[in-house]
Amino acid sequence: MNQDAVLLLALAIDAAFGEPAWIYARLPHPVVLFGRLVGLLDRMLNRDGWRPAARRLAGVVAVLGLLAVTAGPAWLASLAFEAMPFGWVLEALLASTLIAQRSLYTHVAVVASALESEGLAGGRRAVSMIVGRDPESLDEHGVCRAAIESCSENFSDGIVAPVFWFAVLGFPGLVAYKAINTADSMIGHRTPRHQAFGWAAARLDDLVNLMPARLAGLFIILGSAVALRGKRLRRAHAAWKTMLRDAGKHKSPNAGWQEAAMAGALGLALAGPRRYGAVVVDDAWMGEGGRREATSDDIRRALRIMASACGIQAGLIATLAFLL
């Protein structure tokens, strides 16, 4: 079976079923297993008494070990899929568990619904499930911006990047990407414990997201031309202009591309100063319009853009499957 056709089936399965709660109430999600392995490696190899150079080397060993234990079996599984009569169906089913179209849409939509039905308290509770910042520091507009930023950033990390690496390297590439991304989310922080040990995970995550992040920005621009009512080309042009101008303002070399594109499409200011516990991150604002008064309607517009962008990505994969 054509690899792109398998990927298209995986996207369709994820869009239709997402992450069935009845399965993951009984079995751990693959990403949860990756997280447990990262935690184990952190406890085993990240020793407080070691010098930074030794801890950095230990972090490299941890990442290599993580990839060996995850991508290695995935490569063997991909060989088994090829030998099985309907192995491509099983491959698509497993791949769909590592793509987050439906779950991302659902989690972000819950924030809009909670704001509309329960007010600020409900919105803060809902947004705390998808962002790490202090929800009590957010007003209603801050909750909405946080949800939109999460939608934008995770569109790349949770959807475009997994699809990209499956398209490039097949099922092992998808598994390797999710393992790297999980490691970065857990140990790739500039804290005293992980400044050195998490260096390899953070830098590798930056590398594997370079192309997907920029593709995600382009998909958001195209999605805005499809999803937004009225003056669609103007909004798409604003998204393009804002992405090129403001993407570099983000502290991440990758996250700014999709966030700036979304900011331009919606005519909002995103990012800016944010509080994570007792720490305030003083980031620059991104956005063509400079409007900070985001509402639940803006969350829903962002979701329409994301859904259209997912459709555009699927259309590209379908074209590749037909041509190749």
C-alpha atoms as a PDB file:
ATOM      1  CA  MET A   1       0.000   0.000   0.000  1.00  0.00           C
ATOM      2  CA  ASN A   2       1.237   3.484  -0.893  1.00  0.00           C
ATOM      3  CA  GLN A   3       2.652   5.175   2.221  1.00  0.00           C
ATOM      4  CA  ASP A   4       0.719   8.377   1.542  1.00  0.00           C
ATOM      5  CA  ALA A   5      -2.498   6.361   1.261  1.00  0.00           C
ATOM      6  CA  VAL A   6      -1.781   4.821   4.677  1.00  0.00           C
ATOM      7  CA  LEU A   7      -1.222   8.315   6.073  1.00  0.00           C
ATOM      8  CA  LEU A   8      -4.470   9.545   4.539  1.00  0.00           C
ATOM      9  CA  LEU A   9      -6.337   6.667   6.196  1.00  0.00           C
ATOM     10  CA  ALA A  10      -4.680   7.512   9.525  1.00  0.00           C
ATOM     11  CA  LEU A  11      -5.843  11.129   9.202  1.00  0.00           C
ATOM     12  CA  ALA A  12      -9.379   9.973   8.416  1.00  0.00           C
ATOM     13  CA  ILE A  13      -9.448   7.619  11.422  1.00  0.00           C
ATOM     14  CA  ASP A  14      -8.214  10.350  13.749  1.00  0.00           C
ATOM     15  CA  ALA A  15     -10.684  12.903  12.371  1.00  0.00           C
ATOM     16  CA  ALA A  16     -13.569  10.489  12.800  1.00  0.00           C
ATOM     17  CA  PHE A  17     -12.756   8.901  16.159  1.00  0.00           C
ATOM     18  CA  GLY A  18     -10.029  10.921  17.870  1.00  0.00           C
ATOM     19  CA  GLU A  19      -8.859   9.298  21.095  1.00  0.00           C
ATOM     20  CA  PRO A  20     -11.661   6.950  22.248  1.00  0.00           C
ATOM     21  CA  ALA A  21     -12.010   7.329  26.007  1.00  0.00           C
ATOM     22  CA  TRP A  22     -13.045   3.683  26.491  1.00  0.00           C
ATOM     23  CA  ILE A  23      -9.712   2.510  25.072  1.00  0.00           C
ATOM     24  CA  TYR A  24      -7.492   4.867  27.045  1.00  0.00           C
ATOM     25  CA  ALA A  25      -9.394   4.169  30.247  1.00  0.00           C
ATOM     26  CA  ARG A  26      -7.987   0.638  29.949  1.00  0.00           C
ATOM     27  CA  LEU A  27      -4.713   1.130  28.104  1.00  0.00           C
ATOM     28  CA  PRO A  28      -2.109   3.885  28.393  1.00  0.00           C
ATOM     29  CA  HIS A  29      -1.792   6.225  25.424  1.00  0.00           C
ATOM     30  CA  PRO A  30       1.494   5.754  23.513  1.00  0.00           C
ATOM     31  CA  VAL A  31       2.599   9.275  24.459  1.00  0.00           C
ATOM     32  CA  VAL A  32       2.009   8.405  28.123  1.00  0.00           C
ATOM     33  CA  LEU A  33       4.373   5.456  27.680  1.00  0.00           C
ATOM     34  CA  PHE A  34       6.940   7.750  26.058  1.00  0.00           C
ATOM     35  CA  GLY A  35       6.574  10.091  29.014  1.00  0.00           C
ATOM     36  CA  ARG A  36       7.144   7.292  31.517  1.00  0.00           C
ATOM     37  CA  LEU A  37      10.303   6.300  29.686  1.00  0.00           C
ATOM     38  CA  VAL A  38      11.564   9.908  29.645  1.00  0.00           C
ATOM     39  CA  GLY A  39      10.849  10.170  33.368  1.00  0.00           C
ATOM     40  CA  LEU A  40      12.763   6.957  34.024  1.00  0.00           C
ATOM     41  CA  LEU A  41      15.763   8.181  32.034  1.00  0.00           C
ATOM     42  CA  ASP A  42      15.646  11.501  33.869  1.00  0.00           C
ATOM     43  CA  ARG A  43      15.740   9.758  37.255  1.00  0.00           C
ATOM     44  CA  MET A  44      18.490   7.346  36.203  1.00  0.00           C
ATOM     45  CA  LEU A  45      20.849   9.657  34.317  1.00  0.00           C
ATOM     46  CA  ASN A  46      20.276  13.196  35.566  1.00  0.00           C
ATOM     47  CA  ARG A  47      22.403  13.321  38.729  1.00  0.00           C
ATOM     48  CA  ASP A  48      22.380  16.521  40.791  1.00  0.00           C
ATOM     49  CA  GLY A  49      26.031  16.208  41.784  1.00  0.00           C
ATOM     50  CA  TRP A  50      27.340  16.053  38.228  1.00  0.00           C
ATOM     51  CA  ARG A  51      28.875  18.997  36.399  1.00  0.00           C
ATOM     52  CA  PRO A  52      26.921  20.612  33.533  1.00  0.00           C
ATOM     53  CA  ALA A  53      29.094  18.978  30.857  1.00  0.00           C
ATOM     54  CA  ALA A  54      28.484  15.526  32.300  1.00  0.00           C
ATOM     55  CA  ARG A  55      24.763  16.167  32.606  1.00  0.00           C
ATOM     56  CA  ARG A  56      24.635  17.400  29.012  1.00  0.00           C
ATOM     57  CA  LEU A  57      26.362  14.214  27.846  1.00  0.00           C
ATOM     58  CA  ALA A  58      23.932  12.171  29.930  1.00  0.00           C
ATOM     59  CA  GLY A  59      21.084  14.004  28.206  1.00  0.00           C
ATOM     60  CA  VAL A  60      22.473  13.021  24.807  1.00  0.00           C
ATOM     61  CA  VAL A  61      22.642   9.399  25.958  1.00  0.00           C
ATOM     62  CA  ALA A  62      19.066   9.651  27.239  1.00  0.00           C
ATOM     63  CA  VAL A  63      17.756  10.910  23.889  1.00  0.00           C
ATOM     64  CA  LEU A  64      19.631   8.203  21.979  1.00  0.00           C
ATOM     65  CA  GLY A  65      18.274   5.586  24.358  1.00  0.00           C
ATOM     66  CA  LEU A  66      14.760   6.946  23.999  1.00  0.00           C
ATOM     67  CA  LEU A  67      14.950   6.751  20.200  1.00  0.00           C
ATOM     68  CA  ALA A  68      16.390   3.241  20.317  1.00  0.00           C
ATOM     69  CA  VAL A  69      13.560   1.987  22.527  1.00  0.00           C
ATOM     70  CA  THR A  70      10.777   3.727  20.560  1.00  0.00           C
ATOM     71  CA  ALA A  71      11.785   4.173  16.905  1.00  0.00           C
ATOM     72  CA  GLY A  72      13.670   0.850  16.818  1.00  0.00           C
ATOM     73  CA  PRO A  73      10.593  -1.302  17.549  1.00  0.00           C
ATOM     74  CA  ALA A  74       8.531   0.967  15.280  1.00  0.00           C
ATOM     75  CA  TRP A  75      10.906   0.167  12.410  1.00  0.00           C
ATOM     76  CA  LEU A  76      10.552  -3.579  13.098  1.00  0.00           C
ATOM     77  CA  ALA A  77       6.778  -3.133  13.245  1.00  0.00           C
ATOM     78  CA  SER A  78       6.783  -1.361   9.877  1.00  0.00           C
ATOM     79  CA  LEU A  79       8.561  -4.375   8.362  1.00  0.00           C
ATOM     80  CA  ALA A  80       5.922  -6.653   9.873  1.00  0.00           C
ATOM     81  CA  PHE A  81       3.122  -4.467   8.480  1.00  0.00           C
ATOM     82  CA  GLU A  82       4.529  -4.940   4.980  1.00  0.00           C
ATOM     83  CA  ALA A  83       4.454  -8.723   5.385  1.00  0.00           C
ATOM     84  CA  MET A  84       0.875  -8.870   6.722  1.00  0.00           C
ATOM     85  CA  PRO A  85      -2.103  -9.104   4.303  1.00  0.00           C
ATOM     86  CA  PHE A  86      -3.836  -6.067   5.815  1.00  0.00           C
ATOM     87  CA  GLY A  87      -0.902  -4.677   7.732  1.00  0.00           C
ATOM     88  CA  TRP A  88      -1.473  -1.231   6.236  1.00  0.00           C
ATOM     89  CA  VAL A  89      -4.773  -0.996   8.129  1.00  0.00           C
ATOM     90  CA  LEU A  90      -3.071  -1.763  11.451  1.00  0.00           C
ATOM     91  CA  GLU A  91      -0.313   0.717  10.598  1.00  0.00           C
ATOM     92  CA  ALA A  92      -2.881   3.434   9.921  1.00  0.00           C
ATOM     93  CA  LEU A  93      -4.710   2.645  13.160  1.00  0.00           C
ATOM     94  CA  LEU A  94      -1.522   2.922  15.212  1.00  0.00           C
ATOM     95  CA  ALA A  95      -0.408   6.060  13.379  1.00  0.00           C
ATOM     96  CA  SER A  96      -3.772   7.712  14.059  1.00  0.00           C
ATOM     97  CA  THR A  97      -3.099   7.501  17.817  1.00  0.00           C
ATOM     98  CA  LEU A  98      -0.125   9.864  17.364  1.00  0.00           C
ATOM     99  CA  ILE A  99      -2.015  12.517  15.381  1.00  0.00           C
ATOM    100  CA  ALA A 100      -4.159  14.993  17.303  1.00  0.00           C
ATOM    101  CA  GLN A 101      -6.629  16.631  14.918  1.00  0.00           C
ATOM    102  CA  ARG A 102      -9.837  15.765  16.721  1.00  0.00           C
ATOM    103  CA  SER A 103      -8.483  15.921  20.273  1.00  0.00           C
ATOM    104  CA  LEU A 104      -6.926  19.363  19.741  1.00  0.00           C
ATOM    105  CA  TYR A 105     -10.138  20.703  18.225  1.00  0.00           C
ATOM    106  CA  THR A 106     -12.189  19.281  21.095  1.00  0.00           C
ATOM    107  CA  HIS A 107      -9.959  20.595  23.886  1.00  0.00           C
ATOM    108  CA  VAL A 108      -9.835  24.115  22.455  1.00  0.00           C
ATOM    109  CA  ALA A 109     -13.574  24.163  21.712  1.00  0.00           C
ATOM    110  CA  VAL A 110     -14.253  23.259  25.359  1.00  0.00           C
ATOM    111  CA  VAL A 111     -12.653  26.573  26.392  1.00  0.00           C
ATOM    112  CA  ALA A 112     -15.041  28.569  24.194  1.00  0.00           C
ATOM    113  CA  SER A 113     -18.038  26.610  25.456  1.00  0.00           C
ATOM    114  CA  ALA A 114     -16.970  26.977  29.112  1.00  0.00           C
ATOM    115  CA  LEU A 115     -16.592  30.743  28.732  1.00  0.00           C
ATOM    116  CA  GLU A 116     -20.002  31.032  27.124  1.00  0.00           C
ATOM    117  CA  SER A 117     -21.813  28.832  29.659  1.00  0.00           C
ATOM    118  CA  GLU A 118     -19.872  29.327  32.899  1.00  0.00           C
ATOM    119  CA  GLY A 119     -18.100  32.652  32.470  1.00  0.00           C
ATOM    120  CA  LEU A 120     -14.518  33.431  33.432  1.00  0.00           C
ATOM    121  CA  ALA A 121     -14.229  30.727  36.120  1.00  0.00           C
ATOM    122  CA  GLY A 122     -15.240  28.027  33.650  1.00  0.00           C
ATOM    123  CA  GLY A 123     -12.920  29.403  30.990  1.00  0.00           C
ATOM    124  CA  ARG A 124      -9.968  29.441  33.380  1.00  0.00           C
ATOM    125  CA  ARG A 125     -10.650  25.870  34.433  1.00  0.00           C
ATOM    126  CA  ALA A 126     -10.907  24.689  30.828  1.00  0.00           C
ATOM    127  CA  VAL A 127      -7.832  26.539  29.563  1.00  0.00           C
ATOM    128  CA  SER A 128      -5.729  25.199  32.455  1.00  0.00           C
ATOM    129  CA  MET A 129      -6.073  21.771  30.821  1.00  0.00           C
ATOM    130  CA  ILE A 130      -4.225  22.843  27.662  1.00  0.00           C
ATOM    131  CA  VAL A 131      -1.715  25.544  28.713  1.00  0.00           C
ATOM    132  CA  GLY A 132       0.920  25.776  31.425  1.00  0.00           C
ATOM    133  CA  ARG A 133       0.424  29.399  32.382  1.00  0.00           C
ATOM    134  CA  ASP A 134      -1.283  30.506  35.599  1.00  0.00           C
ATOM    135  CA  PRO A 135      -5.030  30.582  34.760  1.00  0.00           C
ATOM    136  CA  GLU A 136      -5.850  32.856  37.710  1.00  0.00           C
ATOM    137  CA  SER A 137      -3.710  35.584  36.133  1.00  0.00           C
ATOM    138  CA  LEU A 138      -5.877  35.604  32.982  1.00  0.00           C
ATOM    139  CA  ASP A 139      -8.910  37.766  32.330  1.00  0.00           C
ATOM    140  CA  GLU A 140     -11.489  36.651  29.764  1.00  0.00           C
ATOM    141  CA  HIS A 141      -9.454  38.024  26.858  1.00  0.00           C
ATOM    142  CA  GLY A 142      -6.324  36.341  28.215  1.00  0.00           C
ATOM    143  CA  VAL A 143      -8.127  33.003  28.403  1.00  0.00           C
ATOM    144  CA  CYS A 144      -9.211  33.391  24.788  1.00  0.00           C
ATOM    145  CA  ARG A 145      -5.730  34.341  23.612  1.00  0.00           C
ATOM    146  CA  ALA A 146      -4.218  31.388  25.505  1.00  0.00           C
ATOM    147  CA  ALA A 147      -6.657  28.991  23.826  1.00  0.00           C
ATOM    148  CA  ILE A 148      -5.919  30.423  20.381  1.00  0.00           C
ATOM    149  CA  GLU A 149      -2.159  30.272  20.947  1.00  0.00           C
ATOM    150  CA  SER A 150      -2.460  26.643  22.084  1.00  0.00           C
ATOM    151  CA  CYS A 151      -4.538  25.863  19.001  1.00  0.00           C
ATOM    152  CA  SER A 152      -1.890  27.427  16.759  1.00  0.00           C
ATOM    153  CA  GLU A 153       1.200  25.908  18.362  1.00  0.00           C
ATOM    154  CA  ASN A 154      -0.265  22.439  18.784  1.00  0.00           C
ATOM    155  CA  PHE A 155      -1.530  22.461  15.211  1.00  0.00           C
ATOM    156  CA  SER A 156       2.139  22.163  14.294  1.00  0.00           C
ATOM    157  CA  ASP A 157       3.373  19.898  17.116  1.00  0.00           C
ATOM    158  CA  GLY A 158       0.319  17.654  17.239  1.00  0.00           C
ATOM    159  CA  ILE A 159      -0.764  17.505  13.598  1.00  0.00           C
ATOM    160  CA  VAL A 160       1.551  18.901  10.917  1.00  0.00           C
ATOM    161  CA  ALA A 161       4.855  17.630  12.328  1.00  0.00           C
ATOM    162  CA  PRO A 162       3.674  14.030  12.936  1.00  0.00           C
ATOM    163  CA  VAL A 163       2.199  13.948   9.427  1.00  0.00           C
ATOM    164  CA  PHE A 164       5.372  15.410   7.940  1.00  0.00           C
ATOM    165  CA  TRP A 165       7.649  12.845   9.558  1.00  0.00           C
ATOM    166  CA  PHE A 166       5.365   9.958   8.614  1.00  0.00           C
ATOM    167  CA  ALA A 167       5.424  11.200   5.018  1.00  0.00           C
ATOM    168  CA  VAL A 168       9.246  11.426   5.096  1.00  0.00           C
ATOM    169  CA  LEU A 169      10.258   8.371   7.141  1.00  0.00           C
ATOM    170  CA  GLY A 170       7.113   6.314   7.540  1.00  0.00           C
ATOM    171  CA  PHE A 171       5.816   4.920  10.836  1.00  0.00           C
ATOM    172  CA  PRO A 172       9.278   4.945  12.510  1.00  0.00           C
ATOM    173  CA  GLY A 173       9.632   8.646  11.688  1.00  0.00           C
ATOM    174  CA  LEU A 174       6.277   9.414  13.265  1.00  0.00           C
ATOM    175  CA  VAL A 175       7.152   7.496  16.447  1.00  0.00           C
ATOM    176  CA  ALA A 176      10.598   9.104  16.647  1.00  0.00           C
ATOM    177  CA  TYR A 177       9.094  12.575  16.312  1.00  0.00           C
ATOM    178  CA  LYS A 178       6.532  12.001  19.080  1.00  0.00           C
ATOM    179  CA  ALA A 179       9.230  10.608  21.373  1.00  0.00           C
ATOM    180  CA  ILE A 180      11.446  13.654  20.769  1.00  0.00           C
ATOM    181  CA  ASN A 181       8.556  16.066  21.250  1.00  0.00           C
ATOM    182  CA  THR A 182       7.537  14.338  24.487  1.00  0.00           C
ATOM    183  CA  ALA A 183      11.097  14.533  25.785  1.00  0.00           C
ATOM    184  CA  ASP A 184      11.279  18.241  24.991  1.00  0.00           C
ATOM    185  CA  SER A 185       8.001  18.922  26.799  1.00  0.00           C
ATOM    186  CA  MET A 186       9.282  17.140  29.923  1.00  0.00           C
ATOM    187  CA  ILE A 187      12.989  17.946  30.160  1.00  0.00           C
ATOM    188  CA  GLY A 188      13.679  20.619  27.543  1.00  0.00           C
ATOM    189  CA  HIS A 189      13.342  23.487  30.019  1.00  0.00           C
ATOM    190  CA  ARG A 190      15.844  26.061  31.250  1.00  0.00           C
ATOM    191  CA  THR A 191      15.509  25.081  34.877  1.00  0.00           C
ATOM    192  CA  PRO A 192      18.426  24.258  37.192  1.00  0.00           C
ATOM    193  CA  ARG A 193      17.662  20.549  36.885  1.00  0.00           C
ATOM    194  CA  HIS A 194      17.188  20.429  33.123  1.00  0.00           C
ATOM    195  CA  GLN A 195      19.285  23.295  31.737  1.00  0.00           C
ATOM    196  CA  ALA A 196      22.105  20.909  30.793  1.00  0.00           C
ATOM    197  CA  PHE A 197      20.403  17.498  30.814  1.00  0.00           C
ATOM    198  CA  GLY A 198      17.539  18.654  28.576  1.00  0.00           C
ATOM    199  CA  TRP A 199      19.784  20.458  26.083  1.00  0.00           C
ATOM    200  CA  ALA A 200      19.854  17.603  23.553  1.00  0.00           C
ATOM    201  CA  ALA A 201      16.086  17.051  23.693  1.00  0.00           C
ATOM    202  CA  ALA A 202      15.359  20.767  23.251  1.00  0.00           C
ATOM    203  CA  ARG A 203      17.795  21.270  20.366  1.00  0.00           C
ATOM    204  CA  LEU A 204      16.670  18.104  18.574  1.00  0.00           C
ATOM    205  CA  ASP A 205      13.028  19.153  18.962  1.00  0.00           C
ATOM    206  CA  ASP A 206      13.881  22.537  17.431  1.00  0.00           C
ATOM    207  CA  LEU A 207      15.528  20.764  14.508  1.00  0.00           C
ATOM    208  CA  VAL A 208      12.728  18.298  13.722  1.00  0.00           C
ATOM    209  CA  ASN A 209      10.149  21.096  13.892  1.00  0.00           C
ATOM    210  CA  LEU A 210      11.919  23.538  11.560  1.00  0.00           C
ATOM    211  CA  MET A 211      10.100  22.528   8.379  1.00  0.00           C
ATOM    212  CA  PRO A 212       6.765  21.450   9.943  1.00  0.00           C
ATOM    213  CA  ALA A 213       6.358  24.773  11.779  1.00  0.00           C
ATOM    214  CA  ARG A 214       6.757  26.760   8.590  1.00  0.00           C
ATOM    215  CA  LEU A 215       4.384  24.444   6.743  1.00  0.00           C
ATOM    216  CA  ALA A 216       1.889  24.902   9.578  1.00  0.00           C
ATOM    217  CA  GLY A 217       2.075  28.664   9.121  1.00  0.00           C
ATOM    218  CA  LEU A 218       1.367  28.290   5.404  1.00  0.00           C
ATOM    219  CA  PHE A 219      -1.532  25.921   6.066  1.00  0.00           C
ATOM    220  CA  ILE A 220      -3.034  28.444   8.507  1.00  0.00           C
ATOM    221  CA  ILE A 221      -2.753  31.183   5.881  1.00  0.00           C
ATOM    222  CA  LEU A 222      -4.480  29.000   3.295  1.00  0.00           C
ATOM    223  CA  GLY A 223      -7.015  27.879   5.901  1.00  0.00           C
ATOM    224  CA  SER A 224      -7.912  31.486   6.683  1.00  0.00           C
ATOM    225  CA  ALA A 225      -8.639  32.094   3.006  1.00  0.00           C
ATOM    226  CA  VAL A 226     -11.124  29.218   3.128  1.00  0.00           C
ATOM    227  CA  ALA A 227     -12.661  29.519   6.584  1.00  0.00           C
ATOM    228  CA  LEU A 228     -13.170  33.230   7.281  1.00  0.00           C
ATOM    229  CA  ARG A 229     -16.289  34.882   5.968  1.00  0.00           C
ATOM    230  CA  GLY A 230     -15.848  38.141   4.075  1.00  0.00           C
ATOM    231  CA  LYS A 231     -12.593  39.682   2.863  1.00  0.00           C
ATOM    232  CA  ARG A 232     -10.923  36.270   2.842  1.00  0.00           C
ATOM    233  CA  LEU A 233      -8.011  37.309   0.654  1.00  0.00           C
ATOM    234  CA  ARG A 234      -7.393  40.350   2.835  1.00  0.00           C
ATOM    235  CA  ARG A 235      -7.232  38.200   5.957  1.00  0.00           C
ATOM    236  CA  ALA A 236      -4.945  35.673   4.242  1.00  0.00           C
ATOM    237  CA  HIS A 237      -2.681  38.515   3.118  1.00  0.00           C
ATOM    238  CA  ALA A 238      -2.617  39.894   6.666  1.00  0.00           C
ATOM    239  CA  ALA A 239      -1.716  36.418   7.962  1.00  0.00           C
ATOM    240  CA  TRP A 240       1.139  36.129   5.454  1.00  0.00           C
ATOM    241  CA  LYS A 241       2.452  39.614   6.196  1.00  0.00           C
ATOM    242  CA  THR A 242       2.270  39.134   9.957  1.00  0.00           C
ATOM    243  CA  MET A 243       3.948  35.736   9.820  1.00  0.00           C
ATOM    244  CA  LEU A 244       6.922  37.091   7.888  1.00  0.00           C
ATOM    245  CA  ARG A 245       7.212  40.153  10.117  1.00  0.00           C
ATOM    246  CA  ASP A 246       6.572  38.708  13.590  1.00  0.00           C
ATOM    247  CA  ALA A 247       7.547  35.017  13.573  1.00  0.00           C
ATOM    248  CA  GLY A 248      11.071  35.867  14.664  1.00  0.00           C
ATOM    249  CA  LYS A 249       9.822  37.726  17.733  1.00  0.00           C
ATOM    250  CA  HIS A 250       8.858  34.476  19.450  1.00  0.00           C
ATOM    251  CA  LYS A 251      11.377  32.963  21.892  1.00  0.00           C
ATOM    252  CA  SER A 252      11.000  29.656  20.049  1.00  0.00           C
ATOM    253  CA  PRO A 253      12.553  29.363  16.564  1.00  0.00           C
ATOM    254  CA  ASN A 254       9.441  27.507  15.431  1.00  0.00           C
ATOM    255  CA  ALA A 255       6.310  28.437  17.393  1.00  0.00           C
ATOM    256  CA  GLY A 256       6.196  31.990  16.060  1.00  0.00           C
ATOM    257  CA  TRP A 257       5.371  30.949  12.501  1.00  0.00           C
ATOM    258  CA  GLN A 258       1.945  29.485  13.185  1.00  0.00           C
ATOM    259  CA  GLU A 259       1.080  31.897  16.015  1.00  0.00           C
ATOM    260  CA  ALA A 260       1.949  34.958  13.953  1.00  0.00           C
ATOM    261  CA  ALA A 261      -0.019  33.605  11.001  1.00  0.00           C
ATOM    262  CA  MET A 262      -3.050  33.010  13.223  1.00  0.00           C
ATOM    263  CA  ALA A 263      -2.705  36.464  14.801  1.00  0.00           C
ATOM    264  CA  GLY A 264      -2.692  38.096  11.375  1.00  0.00           C
ATOM    265  CA  ALA A 265      -5.633  36.022  10.138  1.00  0.00           C
ATOM    266  CA  LEU A 266      -7.770  36.976  13.151  1.00  0.00           C
ATOM    267  CA  GLY A 267      -6.552  40.564  13.454  1.00  0.00           C
ATOM    268  CA  LEU A 268      -5.448  39.882  17.035  1.00  0.00           C
ATOM    269  CA  ALA A 269      -2.348  40.436  19.139  1.00  0.00           C
ATOM    270  CA  LEU A 270      -1.085  37.114  20.491  1.00  0.00           C
ATOM    271  CA  ALA A 271       1.798  36.034  22.753  1.00  0.00           C
ATOM    272  CA  GLY A 272       3.024  39.014  24.837  1.00  0.00           C
ATOM    273  CA  PRO A 273       3.816  38.834  28.584  1.00  0.00           C
ATOM    274  CA  ARG A 274       2.572  35.657  30.282  1.00  0.00           C
ATOM    275  CA  ARG A 275       2.740  34.219  33.800  1.00  0.00           C
ATOM    276  CA  TYR A 276       3.817  30.617  34.513  1.00  0.00           C
ATOM    277  CA  GLY A 277       3.417  30.159  38.264  1.00  0.00           C
ATOM    278  CA  ALA A 278       5.652  32.776  39.878  1.00  0.00           C
ATOM    279  CA  VAL A 279       7.586  33.421  36.648  1.00  0.00           C
ATOM    280  CA  VAL A 280       6.563  36.166  34.185  1.00  0.00           C
ATOM    281  CA  VAL A 281       7.769  35.658  30.598  1.00  0.00           C
ATOM    282  CA  ASP A 282       8.045  39.041  28.907  1.00  0.00           C
ATOM    283  CA  ASP A 283       7.561  38.051  25.254  1.00  0.00           C
ATOM    284  CA  ALA A 284       6.805  40.457  22.429  1.00  0.00           C
ATOM    285  CA  TRP A 285       3.320  40.814  20.992  1.00  0.00           C
ATOM    286  CA  MET A 286       2.632  39.349  17.562  1.00  0.00           C
ATOM    287  CA  GLY A 287      -0.185  40.575  15.369  1.00  0.00           C
ATOM    288  CA  GLU A 288      -1.091  42.900  12.539  1.00  0.00           C
ATOM    289  CA  GLY A 289      -4.183  44.405  14.121  1.00  0.00           C
ATOM    290  CA  GLY A 290      -2.910  44.848  17.663  1.00  0.00           C
ATOM    291  CA  ARG A 291      -6.338  43.957  19.096  1.00  0.00           C
ATOM    292  CA  ARG A 292      -5.999  42.214  22.457  1.00  0.00           C
ATOM    293  CA  GLU A 293      -9.702  41.912  23.349  1.00  0.00           C
ATOM    294  CA  ALA A 294     -10.122  38.340  22.141  1.00  0.00           C
ATOM    295  CA  THR A 295     -13.482  36.623  22.623  1.00  0.00           C
ATOM    296  CA  SER A 296     -14.911  33.128  22.418  1.00  0.00           C
ATOM    297  CA  ASP A 297     -15.952  33.963  18.845  1.00  0.00           C
ATOM    298  CA  ASP A 298     -12.266  34.397  18.022  1.00  0.00           C
ATOM    299  CA  ILE A 299     -11.572  30.939  19.466  1.00  0.00           C
ATOM    300  CA  ARG A 300     -14.229  29.490  17.186  1.00  0.00           C
ATOM    301  CA  ARG A 301     -12.815  31.361  14.181  1.00  0.00           C
ATOM    302  CA  ALA A 302      -9.377  29.952  15.008  1.00  0.00           C
ATOM    303  CA  LEU A 303     -10.890  26.463  15.124  1.00  0.00           C
ATOM    304  CA  ARG A 304     -12.497  26.962  11.716  1.00  0.00           C
ATOM    305  CA  ILE A 305      -9.116  28.002  10.335  1.00  0.00           C
ATOM    306  CA  MET A 306      -7.439  24.975  11.923  1.00  0.00           C
ATOM    307  CA  ALA A 307     -10.090  22.602  10.546  1.00  0.00           C
ATOM    308  CA  SER A 308      -9.681  24.096   7.067  1.00  0.00           C
ATOM    309  CA  ALA A 309      -5.898  23.841   7.385  1.00  0.00           C
ATOM    310  CA  CYS A 310      -6.260  20.151   8.301  1.00  0.00           C
ATOM    311  CA  GLY A 311      -8.409  19.651   5.216  1.00  0.00           C
ATOM    312  CA  ILE A 312      -5.812  21.365   3.033  1.00  0.00           C
ATOM    313  CA  GLN A 313      -3.084  19.157   4.476  1.00  0.00           C
ATOM    314  CA  ALA A 314      -5.192  16.050   3.833  1.00  0.00           C
ATOM    315  CA  GLY A 315      -5.822  17.242   0.282  1.00  0.00           C
ATOM    316  CA  LEU A 316      -2.080  17.570  -0.273  1.00  0.00           C
ATOM    317  CA  ILE A 317      -1.492  14.047   1.062  1.00  0.00           C
ATOM    318  CA  ALA A 318      -4.283  12.711  -1.184  1.00  0.00           C
ATOM    319  CA  THR A 319      -2.682  14.385  -4.211  1.00  0.00           C
ATOM    320  CA  LEU A 320       0.678  12.829  -3.368  1.00  0.00           C
ATOM    321  CA  ALA A 321      -0.958   9.410  -2.920  1.00  0.00           C
ATOM    322  CA  PHE A 322      -2.596   9.708  -6.340  1.00  0.00           C
ATOM    323  CA  LEU A 323       0.556  10.913  -8.116  1.00  0.00           C
ATOM    324  CA  LEU A 324       2.951   8.497  -6.447  1.00  0.00           C
END
